[in-house]
Amino acid sequence: MAKKIILTALGLIVVVGGLAGVKLLQFSAMSAHAENAGPPPESVAVTEVKEVTWQPTIDAVGTITAVQGVTLSAEVPGTVRRIPFESGALVKAGEVLVELDSSTERAQLQAAEASAELARTNFENGKSLQKSGAIASSQFIALVAQSKQADAEVVRLQTLISKKTLRAPFAGRTGIRNINLGQVVGSGDAIVSLQSPDPVYVDFSLPQQRLSELTPGLEIRVRSDSFPSSTYTGKLTAIEPELDPVTRNVKLRGTLQNPKHELRPGMFVRAEVVVPKDERVVAVPATAIMYAPYGDSVYVVGPAPAQEGKPADPKKLVAKQAFVRLGGTRGDFVAITKGLKPGEKVVVSGAFKLRNGAAVVINNDLLPSASENPKPNDT
């Protein structure tokens, strides 16, 4: 009996020990798996860093100015009798814009012409009489003066009548008229604005440090927020000989072709002067840049480093943060002057969810498009 009890006890000890050993092995495996598992890798889109050739540009903001532009005013007072143009219309040089009432001046002109004709007749008669000695020289001189005075009065009235008709001094587009039929206008009253639409000037300023790079004839490119898909090209035509003593900026003027009349005087634009030399730069899409007050950075994707004596697995990728120094921009790209080398792969989508050393997997299905000359689509 005692022997059976001892054997049963030994059997129970063996079973319990076996179960405990199995559980210990399971717990150990689970612990090791938990230590090696870590968080799942993040899905990111990457692009390869490349060295490209850029043509340097000098950026500025400018204002469109008409090559010829003026606000037309009345030279003489009068009553508006006819307005043969419409607001915002294209007019030709010499085209009649406004006619003021000149009936009084025309009546005075008829009387002046009659007086001038009489003065000329008296002058011709006096010339014959002077040759025969029938009149004194002083009387003949008076007849000459009367004839000239009468002719001058005719010219004066003709000039006054011509000033009652306002004509376009050059071809251009009219603004909104400020007068109406029957309105009495005074001398100097504004009537309408007239601007030549093509070509146009772009005026802008640059710091004096850029002066050595500027020469007349350089290419200029202009873009406007009003027409984001259009780029207007022209030439640098004038450089101000003196600098602003307060800002130390030099004023520049370029001439642009404007065949569609999209650029209007007074419009704000972004201008860039193209410098005639090429430079090699390392550029990445702007979406790769992580901007921060303490320094800008990107995430570079590479193989995970070896751990605990195990060789590195090229299939496992991690993202490492690299601080960079930024240069100029060109469309959707940013030049990197320090911190990256050609051939490296940087994260361009999904960088916001990464940390230094985070495991990643590459998925370029959602790779954002990037262009040096983007064409925004507003539709």
Protein backbone atom coordinates (compact mmCIF):
# COMPACT_ATOMS: atom_id res chain seq x y z
CA MET A 1 0.00 0.00 0.00
CA ALA A 2 2.76 2.39 0.93
CA LYS A 3 4.59 1.47 -2.24
CA LYS A 4 1.53 2.42 -4.38
CA ILE A 5 1.21 5.76 -2.63
CA ILE A 6 4.89 6.52 -3.24
CA LEU A 7 4.61 5.59 -6.94
CA THR A 8 1.49 7.71 -7.35
CA ALA A 9 3.19 10.67 -5.71
CA LEU A 10 6.22 10.30 -7.97
CA GLY A 11 3.92 10.15 -11.02
CA LEU A 12 2.15 13.32 -9.99
CA ILE A 13 5.49 15.08 -9.45
CA VAL A 14 6.68 14.05 -12.92
CA VAL A 15 3.42 15.25 -14.57
CA VAL A 16 3.40 18.55 -12.71
CA GLY A 17 7.09 19.12 -13.46
CA GLY A 18 6.54 18.38 -17.15
CA LEU A 19 3.61 20.82 -17.32
CA ALA A 20 5.63 23.50 -15.52
CA GLY A 21 8.56 23.03 -17.92
CA VAL A 22 6.29 23.37 -20.97
CA LYS A 23 4.76 26.56 -19.60
CA LEU A 24 8.17 28.00 -18.83
CA LEU A 25 9.28 27.33 -22.39
CA GLN A 26 6.11 28.97 -23.76
CA PHE A 27 6.57 32.05 -21.57
CA SER A 28 10.20 32.33 -22.62
CA ALA A 29 9.29 32.13 -26.34
CA MET A 30 6.55 34.73 -25.93
CA SER A 31 8.92 37.05 -24.12
CA ALA A 32 11.57 36.72 -26.83
CA HIS A 33 8.97 37.32 -29.55
CA ALA A 34 7.68 40.42 -27.74
CA GLU A 35 11.21 41.78 -27.44
CA ASN A 36 11.92 41.28 -31.16
CA ALA A 37 8.51 42.29 -32.52
CA GLY A 38 8.36 46.04 -31.81
CA PRO A 39 5.85 48.34 -33.57
CA PRO A 40 4.85 47.47 -37.15
CA PRO A 41 6.77 49.26 -39.96
CA GLU A 42 5.30 52.47 -41.41
CA SER A 43 4.36 52.64 -45.10
CA VAL A 44 6.11 55.55 -46.89
CA ALA A 45 6.80 56.79 -50.42
CA VAL A 46 10.41 57.57 -51.31
CA THR A 47 12.36 59.13 -54.17
CA GLU A 48 16.03 59.00 -55.09
CA VAL A 49 18.13 62.13 -54.56
CA LYS A 50 19.53 63.34 -57.88
CA GLU A 51 21.94 66.03 -58.98
CA VAL A 52 20.33 68.25 -61.62
CA THR A 53 21.27 71.30 -63.65
CA TRP A 54 19.45 74.50 -62.79
CA GLN A 55 19.67 77.88 -64.45
CA PRO A 56 19.92 80.36 -61.55
CA THR A 57 17.23 83.01 -61.22
CA ILE A 58 16.87 86.11 -59.07
CA ASP A 59 13.37 86.36 -57.62
CA ALA A 60 11.48 89.55 -56.85
CA VAL A 61 7.97 90.97 -56.63
CA GLY A 62 6.91 93.61 -59.10
CA THR A 63 4.13 95.80 -60.45
CA ILE A 64 2.78 95.99 -63.98
CA THR A 65 2.94 99.45 -65.57
CA ALA A 66 1.59 100.54 -68.94
CA VAL A 67 4.15 101.55 -71.56
CA GLN A 68 1.77 104.40 -72.35
CA GLY A 69 -0.94 105.36 -69.90
CA VAL A 70 -2.74 108.59 -69.11
CA THR A 71 -5.90 109.98 -67.61
CA LEU A 72 -7.45 112.23 -70.26
CA SER A 73 -8.82 115.57 -69.09
CA ALA A 74 -10.67 118.47 -70.67
CA GLU A 75 -8.37 121.33 -71.69
CA VAL A 76 -11.24 123.83 -71.95
CA PRO A 77 -14.64 123.98 -70.19
CA GLY A 78 -17.79 123.04 -72.04
CA THR A 79 -20.94 120.93 -72.24
CA VAL A 80 -20.65 117.29 -73.33
CA ARG A 81 -22.45 116.88 -76.67
CA ARG A 82 -21.27 113.43 -77.85
CA ILE A 83 -19.48 110.39 -76.35
CA PRO A 84 -18.68 107.99 -79.22
CA PHE A 85 -16.75 105.40 -77.15
CA GLU A 86 -17.74 102.72 -74.64
CA SER A 87 -16.06 102.08 -71.29
CA GLY A 88 -13.37 99.40 -71.57
CA ALA A 89 -13.20 99.58 -75.38
CA LEU A 90 -10.10 99.33 -77.55
CA VAL A 91 -9.59 102.58 -79.48
CA LYS A 92 -7.18 103.66 -82.20
CA ALA A 93 -4.80 106.60 -82.10
CA GLY A 94 -6.64 109.77 -83.15
CA GLU A 95 -10.11 108.30 -82.56
CA VAL A 96 -12.68 110.79 -81.20
CA LEU A 97 -13.59 110.10 -77.58
CA VAL A 98 -15.60 113.16 -76.48
CA GLU A 99 -17.05 116.19 -78.22
CA LEU A 100 -17.96 119.33 -76.27
CA ASP A 101 -20.48 121.86 -77.53
CA SER A 102 -18.69 124.39 -79.76
CA SER A 103 -21.64 126.20 -81.40
CA THR A 104 -20.69 129.56 -79.85
CA GLU A 105 -17.08 129.29 -80.97
CA ARG A 106 -18.13 128.27 -84.49
CA ALA A 107 -20.35 131.34 -84.79
CA GLN A 108 -17.49 133.51 -83.57
CA LEU A 109 -15.24 131.81 -86.12
CA GLN A 110 -17.53 132.80 -88.99
CA ALA A 111 -17.44 136.44 -87.85
CA ALA A 112 -13.65 136.28 -87.44
CA GLU A 113 -13.22 134.81 -90.91
CA ALA A 114 -15.31 137.64 -92.39
CA SER A 115 -13.23 140.21 -90.53
CA ALA A 116 -10.06 138.52 -91.72
CA GLU A 117 -11.26 138.59 -95.31
CA LEU A 118 -12.02 142.32 -95.01
CA ALA A 119 -8.62 142.96 -93.42
CA ARG A 120 -6.87 141.10 -96.26
CA THR A 121 -8.79 143.16 -98.87
CA ASN A 122 -7.84 146.42 -97.14
CA PHE A 123 -4.24 145.21 -96.98
CA GLU A 124 -4.13 144.45 -100.73
CA ASN A 125 -5.68 147.86 -101.54
CA GLY A 126 -3.29 149.61 -99.17
CA LYS A 127 -0.34 147.87 -100.83
CA SER A 128 -1.34 149.35 -104.21
CA LEU A 129 -1.94 152.80 -102.74
CA GLN A 130 1.41 152.79 -100.95
CA LYS A 131 3.24 152.12 -104.20
CA SER A 132 1.61 155.20 -105.76
CA GLY A 133 2.19 157.27 -102.61
CA ALA A 134 -1.54 157.79 -101.99
CA ILE A 135 -1.32 156.77 -98.31
CA ALA A 136 1.25 157.28 -95.64
CA SER A 137 3.52 154.46 -94.47
CA SER A 138 1.96 154.54 -91.01
CA GLN A 139 -1.49 153.86 -92.48
CA PHE A 140 -0.14 150.91 -94.46
CA ILE A 141 1.56 149.50 -91.36
CA ALA A 142 -1.79 149.73 -89.54
CA LEU A 143 -3.48 147.79 -92.37
CA VAL A 144 -0.79 145.07 -92.12
CA ALA A 145 -1.30 144.79 -88.36
CA GLN A 146 -5.08 144.60 -88.74
CA SER A 147 -4.75 141.78 -91.30
CA LYS A 148 -2.41 139.77 -89.07
CA GLN A 149 -4.61 140.35 -86.03
CA ALA A 150 -7.68 139.13 -87.90
CA ASP A 151 -5.86 136.00 -89.10
CA ALA A 152 -4.64 135.31 -85.56
CA GLU A 153 -8.19 135.53 -84.23
CA VAL A 154 -9.29 132.93 -86.79
CA VAL A 155 -6.46 130.61 -85.71
CA ARG A 156 -7.34 131.13 -82.04
CA LEU A 157 -10.98 130.16 -82.56
CA GLN A 158 -10.02 127.17 -84.72
CA THR A 159 -7.67 125.93 -81.97
CA LEU A 160 -10.36 126.44 -79.34
CA ILE A 161 -12.84 124.43 -81.41
CA SER A 162 -10.31 121.63 -81.91
CA LYS A 163 -9.78 121.47 -78.13
CA LYS A 164 -13.52 120.90 -77.75
CA THR A 165 -12.94 117.52 -79.44
CA LEU A 166 -10.96 115.05 -77.31
CA ARG A 167 -9.07 112.40 -79.30
CA ALA A 168 -7.06 109.33 -78.22
CA PRO A 169 -3.34 110.28 -78.25
CA PHE A 170 -2.38 106.62 -78.80
CA ALA A 171 -4.01 103.24 -79.33
CA GLY A 172 -5.15 101.55 -76.13
CA ARG A 173 -8.01 100.45 -73.91
CA THR A 174 -10.29 102.98 -72.26
CA GLY A 175 -11.32 102.81 -68.63
CA ILE A 176 -14.67 103.69 -67.11
CA ARG A 177 -15.82 107.14 -68.32
CA ASN A 178 -16.44 109.80 -65.70
CA ILE A 179 -18.82 112.00 -67.73
CA ASN A 180 -22.33 111.88 -69.19
CA LEU A 181 -24.16 113.61 -72.01
CA GLY A 182 -25.16 117.16 -71.14
CA GLN A 183 -22.70 117.39 -68.27
CA VAL A 184 -20.73 120.61 -67.93
CA VAL A 185 -17.02 119.84 -67.47
CA GLY A 186 -14.38 122.27 -66.33
CA SER A 187 -10.82 122.69 -67.45
CA GLY A 188 -8.73 119.82 -66.02
CA ASP A 189 -11.67 117.56 -65.11
CA ALA A 190 -10.82 113.86 -65.55
CA ILE A 191 -12.78 112.21 -68.36
CA VAL A 192 -11.40 108.69 -68.86
CA SER A 193 -8.25 106.60 -68.39
CA LEU A 194 -6.44 105.28 -71.47
CA GLN A 195 -3.83 102.51 -71.18
CA SER A 196 -1.85 100.72 -73.89
CA PRO A 197 -2.28 96.96 -73.19
CA ASP A 198 0.59 95.49 -75.22
CA PRO A 199 3.49 95.58 -74.47
CA VAL A 200 3.66 96.41 -70.75
CA TYR A 201 6.39 97.21 -68.23
CA VAL A 202 7.16 95.29 -65.03
CA ASP A 203 8.86 97.38 -62.33
CA PHE A 204 10.66 95.72 -59.42
CA SER A 205 13.65 96.19 -57.10
CA LEU A 206 16.60 94.02 -56.06
CA PRO A 207 19.29 94.38 -53.35
CA GLN A 208 22.56 96.06 -54.31
CA GLN A 209 24.42 92.75 -53.83
CA ARG A 210 22.79 91.52 -57.05
CA LEU A 211 23.84 94.50 -59.13
CA SER A 212 26.95 92.81 -60.56
CA GLU A 213 24.77 90.05 -62.07
CA LEU A 214 22.40 92.41 -63.87
CA THR A 215 22.76 93.69 -67.42
CA PRO A 216 20.11 94.99 -69.84
CA GLY A 217 18.83 92.27 -72.13
CA LEU A 218 18.57 89.45 -69.56
CA GLU A 219 15.48 87.27 -69.81
CA ILE A 220 12.64 87.98 -67.38
CA ARG A 221 9.80 85.63 -66.43
CA VAL A 222 6.66 86.91 -64.77
CA ARG A 223 3.78 85.03 -63.13
CA SER A 224 0.51 86.35 -61.73
CA ASP A 225 -1.87 84.81 -59.20
CA SER A 226 -4.72 85.88 -61.48
CA PHE A 227 -3.48 83.54 -64.24
CA PRO A 228 -1.41 80.86 -62.41
CA SER A 229 -1.03 78.64 -65.48
CA SER A 230 0.55 81.40 -67.61
CA THR A 231 4.16 82.56 -67.72
CA TYR A 232 5.04 85.85 -69.41
CA THR A 233 8.54 86.36 -70.78
CA GLY A 234 10.39 89.52 -71.68
CA LYS A 235 13.70 91.36 -71.40
CA LEU A 236 15.33 93.54 -68.76
CA THR A 237 15.32 96.94 -70.47
CA ALA A 238 16.37 99.51 -67.85
CA ILE A 239 18.42 99.70 -64.65
CA GLU A 240 18.08 102.78 -62.44
CA PRO A 241 21.48 104.55 -62.28
CA GLU A 242 21.06 105.39 -58.58
CA LEU A 243 20.10 103.26 -55.59
CA ASP A 244 17.55 104.01 -52.91
CA PRO A 245 19.64 105.37 -50.00
CA VAL A 246 17.18 103.95 -47.46
CA THR A 247 16.69 100.37 -48.71
CA ARG A 248 19.92 100.11 -50.79
CA ASN A 249 17.83 98.56 -53.56
CA VAL A 250 18.16 99.23 -57.26
CA LYS A 251 15.03 99.77 -59.34
CA LEU A 252 14.67 97.69 -62.51
CA ARG A 253 12.26 97.70 -65.44
CA GLY A 254 11.47 94.92 -67.90
CA THR A 255 9.32 94.90 -71.02
CA LEU A 256 6.83 92.07 -71.56
CA GLN A 257 4.66 91.03 -74.48
CA ASN A 258 1.01 90.90 -73.45
CA PRO A 259 -0.92 89.71 -76.52
CA LYS A 260 -3.94 88.45 -74.54
CA HIS A 261 -4.12 91.67 -72.48
CA GLU A 262 -4.15 89.59 -69.27
CA LEU A 263 -1.63 91.75 -67.42
CA ARG A 264 -3.14 95.05 -66.27
CA PRO A 265 -1.38 98.19 -64.99
CA GLY A 266 -1.10 98.12 -61.20
CA MET A 267 -1.21 94.30 -61.01
CA PHE A 268 1.02 92.52 -58.47
CA VAL A 269 3.27 89.86 -60.05
CA ARG A 270 6.20 87.60 -59.20
CA ALA A 271 9.22 88.27 -61.38
CA GLU A 272 12.46 86.40 -61.85
CA VAL A 273 15.59 87.43 -63.75
CA VAL A 274 17.31 84.51 -65.48
CA VAL A 275 21.08 84.53 -64.89
CA PRO A 276 22.92 83.19 -67.99
CA LYS A 277 24.87 80.38 -66.31
CA ASP A 278 24.12 76.80 -65.24
CA GLU A 279 24.81 75.23 -61.85
CA ARG A 280 24.64 71.66 -60.54
CA VAL A 281 22.45 71.25 -57.46
CA VAL A 282 21.10 68.39 -55.33
CA ALA A 283 17.31 68.80 -55.32
CA VAL A 284 14.44 66.99 -53.59
CA PRO A 285 10.66 67.53 -53.67
CA ALA A 286 9.47 70.11 -51.16
CA THR A 287 7.22 67.48 -49.53
CA ALA A 288 10.35 65.73 -48.21
CA ILE A 289 11.37 68.69 -46.03
CA MET A 290 10.44 68.68 -42.34
CA TYR A 291 10.58 72.34 -41.36
CA ALA A 292 11.38 73.11 -37.72
CA PRO A 293 12.74 76.09 -35.73
CA TYR A 294 15.80 74.11 -34.60
CA GLY A 295 16.68 73.01 -38.14
CA ASP A 296 15.19 71.58 -41.30
CA SER A 297 15.53 67.85 -41.91
CA VAL A 298 14.58 64.91 -44.12
CA TYR A 299 14.23 61.18 -43.49
CA VAL A 300 16.71 59.00 -45.36
CA VAL A 301 15.68 55.35 -45.89
CA GLY A 302 18.34 52.59 -45.63
CA PRO A 303 18.92 49.01 -44.36
CA ALA A 304 18.47 48.38 -40.65
CA PRO A 305 21.81 48.14 -38.77
CA ALA A 306 23.09 44.84 -37.34
CA GLN A 307 22.03 44.05 -33.74
CA GLU A 308 23.50 41.68 -31.11
CA GLY A 309 26.06 40.21 -33.45
CA LYS A 310 23.49 39.42 -36.12
CA PRO A 311 24.25 40.65 -39.66
CA ALA A 312 22.12 43.42 -41.12
CA ASP A 313 19.03 42.30 -43.03
CA PRO A 314 18.83 44.26 -46.33
CA LYS A 315 15.10 43.57 -46.48
CA LYS A 316 14.48 45.50 -43.25
CA LEU A 317 14.49 49.26 -43.81
CA VAL A 318 14.61 52.11 -41.32
CA ALA A 319 14.28 55.87 -41.64
CA LYS A 320 17.07 58.03 -40.27
CA GLN A 321 16.61 61.76 -39.71
CA ALA A 322 19.18 63.92 -41.52
CA PHE A 323 19.47 67.66 -40.98
CA VAL A 324 19.93 69.65 -44.18
CA ARG A 325 20.69 73.18 -45.34
CA LEU A 326 18.26 74.52 -47.94
CA GLY A 327 19.06 76.52 -51.06
CA GLY A 328 16.84 77.99 -53.73
CA THR A 329 13.56 76.63 -55.04
CA ARG A 330 12.35 75.69 -58.51
CA GLY A 331 8.69 74.77 -58.83
CA ASP A 332 8.01 71.82 -56.49
CA PHE A 333 11.72 71.21 -55.78
CA VAL A 334 14.11 72.57 -53.14
CA ALA A 335 17.88 72.64 -53.53
CA ILE A 336 19.91 71.02 -50.72
CA THR A 337 23.31 72.64 -50.20
CA LYS A 338 24.39 70.40 -47.31
CA GLY A 339 23.25 67.15 -45.71
CA LEU A 340 22.36 64.88 -48.67
CA LYS A 341 24.23 63.04 -51.42
CA PRO A 342 23.01 61.88 -54.83
CA GLY A 343 21.69 58.30 -54.75
CA GLU A 344 20.20 58.45 -51.26
CA LYS A 345 16.50 57.76 -50.87
CA VAL A 346 14.37 60.26 -48.97
CA VAL A 347 10.80 60.02 -47.74
CA VAL A 348 8.45 62.30 -49.69
CA SER A 349 5.14 61.04 -48.29
CA GLY A 350 4.41 59.84 -44.75
CA ALA A 351 7.36 61.56 -43.05
CA PHE A 352 5.11 63.22 -40.47
CA LYS A 353 4.49 59.85 -38.72
CA LEU A 354 8.13 58.82 -38.49
CA ARG A 355 10.74 59.01 -35.76
CA ASN A 356 14.48 58.53 -36.02
CA GLY A 357 15.22 54.82 -36.57
CA ALA A 358 11.61 53.83 -37.28
CA ALA A 359 11.05 50.71 -39.38
CA VAL A 360 9.48 51.43 -42.78
CA VAL A 361 8.23 49.71 -45.91
CA ILE A 362 8.27 51.41 -49.29
CA ASN A 363 4.97 51.92 -51.11
CA ASN A 364 5.24 54.34 -54.04
CA ASP A 365 1.66 53.87 -55.20
CA LEU A 366 0.81 57.25 -53.66
CA LEU A 367 4.03 59.01 -54.70
CA PRO A 368 3.16 62.74 -55.05
CA SER A 369 3.96 64.34 -58.41
CA ALA A 370 6.64 67.03 -58.52
CA SER A 371 7.66 69.34 -61.37
CA GLU A 372 10.06 72.22 -61.87
CA ASN A 373 7.32 74.01 -63.82
CA PRO A 374 4.03 73.05 -62.15
CA LYS A 375 0.77 73.89 -63.91
CA PRO A 376 -1.93 74.39 -61.25
CA ASN A 377 -5.35 73.14 -62.19
CA ASP A 378 -8.15 75.25 -60.77
CA THR A 379 -10.96 73.19 -62.23
